[in-house]
Protein backbone atom coordinates (compact mmCIF):
# COMPACT_ATOMS: atom_id res chain seq x y z
CA UNK A 1 110.01 -20.71 117.54
CA UNK A 2 110.73 -19.55 114.20
CA UNK A 3 108.99 -22.26 111.77
CA UNK A 4 110.00 -19.74 108.21
CA UNK A 5 110.70 -21.90 105.43
CA UNK A 6 110.55 -19.65 101.99
CA UNK A 7 107.99 -21.01 99.43
CA UNK A 8 106.65 -19.02 96.13
CA UNK A 9 102.54 -18.38 96.61
CA UNK A 10 100.79 -21.37 95.00
CA UNK A 11 99.70 -21.09 91.51
CA UNK A 12 96.40 -20.10 92.09
CA UNK A 13 97.33 -17.10 94.00
CA UNK A 14 95.43 -18.49 97.28
CA UNK A 15 97.41 -17.29 100.50
CA UNK A 16 96.36 -17.49 103.80
CA UNK A 17 97.99 -15.12 106.33
CA UNK A 18 97.13 -14.42 109.93
CA UNK A 19 98.46 -13.65 113.69
CA UNK A 20 97.67 -12.75 116.94
CA UNK A 21 95.77 -10.24 118.50
CA UNK A 22 98.82 -7.93 119.76
CA UNK A 23 100.57 -8.46 116.38
CA UNK A 24 103.63 -10.07 117.42
CA UNK A 25 102.96 -13.33 115.41
CA UNK A 26 102.65 -13.68 112.18
CA UNK A 27 102.36 -16.77 110.38
CA UNK A 28 101.75 -17.59 106.29
CA UNK A 29 101.13 -20.52 103.56
CA UNK A 30 100.88 -20.26 99.90
CA UNK A 31 97.82 -22.20 100.22
CA UNK A 32 95.05 -23.63 99.35
CA UNK A 33 94.18 -25.36 102.19
CA UNK A 34 94.17 -29.33 102.61
CA UNK A 35 90.80 -29.36 104.54
CA UNK A 36 88.44 -27.13 106.49
CA UNK A 37 86.79 -28.58 108.81
CA UNK A 38 85.17 -27.70 112.47
CA UNK A 39 86.61 -30.20 115.08
CA UNK A 40 84.07 -30.43 118.27
CA UNK A 41 86.23 -32.92 120.49
CA UNK A 42 86.64 -32.36 124.08
CA UNK A 43 90.58 -31.02 123.83
CA UNK A 44 89.42 -28.28 121.03
CA UNK A 45 86.78 -27.10 123.14
CA UNK A 46 88.56 -27.06 126.58
CA UNK A 47 91.94 -25.82 124.57
CA UNK A 48 89.66 -22.78 122.80
CA UNK A 49 86.74 -22.60 125.67
CA UNK A 50 84.17 -22.67 122.79
CA UNK A 51 82.09 -25.36 121.31
CA UNK A 52 84.47 -26.23 118.29
CA UNK A 53 87.42 -25.13 116.70
CA UNK A 54 87.40 -24.12 113.10
CA UNK A 55 90.91 -25.48 111.67
CA UNK A 56 92.12 -25.23 107.88
CA UNK A 57 95.28 -27.81 107.44
CA UNK A 58 98.43 -27.03 104.94
CA UNK A 59 101.62 -28.37 104.94
CA UNK A 60 104.23 -27.94 106.94
CA UNK A 61 107.41 -27.49 104.35
CA UNK A 62 105.25 -24.66 102.98
CA UNK A 63 104.42 -22.67 106.43
CA UNK A 64 106.18 -20.02 107.92
CA UNK A 65 105.88 -18.19 111.41
CA UNK A 66 108.11 -15.28 113.10
CA UNK A 67 107.53 -14.08 116.40
CA UNK A 68 107.09 -15.20 120.19
CA UNK A 69 105.36 -19.04 119.96
CA UNK A 70 105.17 -20.85 123.03
CA UNK A 71 103.62 -24.37 122.89
CA UNK A 72 100.69 -26.49 125.19
CA UNK A 73 101.71 -30.14 124.44
CA UNK A 74 98.65 -32.66 125.76
CA UNK A 75 97.80 -35.99 124.27
CA UNK A 76 95.63 -35.81 121.76
CA UNK A 77 93.07 -38.70 120.74
CA UNK A 78 95.82 -40.65 119.23
CA UNK A 79 97.63 -41.15 122.19
CA UNK A 80 100.67 -38.54 120.54
CA UNK A 81 100.65 -34.94 121.65
CA UNK A 82 98.64 -32.52 120.54
CA UNK A 83 100.62 -29.38 120.16
CA UNK A 84 98.63 -26.19 120.41
CA UNK A 85 101.20 -22.72 119.34
CA UNK A 86 99.56 -19.48 120.87
CA UNK A 87 101.43 -16.12 121.17
CA UNK A 88 104.05 -15.93 124.09
CA UNK A 89 102.96 -12.39 124.49
CA UNK A 90 99.06 -12.14 124.26
CA UNK A 91 98.16 -15.48 124.28
CA UNK A 92 96.24 -15.86 121.02
CA UNK A 93 95.72 -19.66 119.79
CA UNK A 94 97.35 -19.95 116.68
CA UNK A 95 97.45 -23.04 114.95
CA UNK A 96 98.76 -26.77 115.59
CA UNK A 97 101.53 -28.91 115.01
CA UNK A 98 100.35 -32.59 115.87
CA UNK A 99 102.44 -35.10 116.06
CA UNK A 100 99.99 -37.81 114.47
CA UNK A 101 100.47 -35.57 111.75
CA UNK A 102 103.78 -34.62 111.35
CA UNK A 103 103.36 -33.24 108.15
CA UNK A 104 100.69 -30.81 108.44
CA UNK A 105 100.11 -27.75 110.64
CA UNK A 106 96.19 -26.87 111.10
CA UNK A 107 95.61 -22.68 111.32
CA UNK A 108 92.78 -21.93 113.98
CA UNK A 109 90.63 -20.01 111.46
CA UNK A 110 89.93 -17.24 113.81
CA UNK A 111 93.63 -15.65 113.48
CA UNK A 112 93.62 -15.69 109.93
CA UNK A 113 93.75 -12.49 108.45
CA UNK A 114 90.66 -13.61 106.33
CA UNK A 115 88.45 -15.54 108.42
CA UNK A 116 86.30 -15.41 105.09
CA UNK A 117 88.33 -17.80 103.43
CA UNK A 118 87.06 -20.92 105.81
CA UNK A 119 84.69 -22.86 104.35
CA UNK A 120 84.37 -25.59 106.29
CA UNK A 121 82.98 -28.79 104.58
CA UNK A 122 83.31 -31.09 107.79
CA UNK A 123 82.18 -31.31 111.48
CA UNK A 124 84.57 -33.88 113.46
CA UNK A 125 83.43 -35.53 116.39
CA UNK A 126 79.95 -34.30 116.29
CA UNK A 127 79.17 -36.28 119.51
CA UNK A 128 81.13 -34.36 121.87
CA UNK A 129 79.36 -31.56 120.67
CA UNK A 130 77.51 -29.16 122.70
CA UNK A 131 73.68 -28.54 121.64
CA UNK A 132 74.21 -25.10 121.06
CA UNK A 133 77.38 -25.61 119.54
CA UNK A 134 75.47 -26.95 115.95
CA UNK A 135 76.32 -24.96 113.14
CA UNK A 136 73.97 -24.37 110.25
CA UNK A 137 74.83 -25.10 106.68
CA UNK A 138 75.53 -28.58 104.59
CA UNK A 139 78.39 -29.68 106.82
CA UNK A 140 79.41 -33.66 106.68
CA UNK A 141 78.92 -34.60 110.42
CA UNK A 142 81.52 -37.58 111.59
CA UNK A 143 81.32 -38.95 115.10
CA UNK A 144 84.95 -39.16 115.22
CA UNK A 145 88.16 -38.78 112.58
CA UNK A 146 86.83 -40.11 109.37
CA UNK A 147 88.73 -42.54 107.06
CA UNK A 148 91.43 -41.46 105.21
CA UNK A 149 90.50 -40.34 101.54
CA UNK A 150 93.06 -41.85 99.05
CA UNK A 151 93.45 -40.03 95.59
CA UNK A 152 93.03 -36.71 96.66
């Protein structure tokens, strides 16, 4: 898969970049992130083998990716495919391209070169979160997806 579309870095200098464990896949986005959340839905738990997935949303037109990416397509909560992209060589889970939000890419924060760039504001699907996966910190918690916010 090659999603390469070259764009200038954003005016604030924020650039998000990352890749897989073996180094075969690299991705980037000029940033800044549109949102940063931890998703605790059962699909994310099963896909990651953890209690939740930390994700950042970025606009798809500015996202670039090179390397041997493979996809897993499973029906998500919207009924549309949740597409998870991973390295075809080492299997690292890297980013999502959800068909329910075709204008967006969801980067898995653990694959960032600087995971410290991830600063979550919300936790989603907390009703599905295992008790041991509760994060400390000032996160706004939602039982499911929050209503869309307009005017951002």
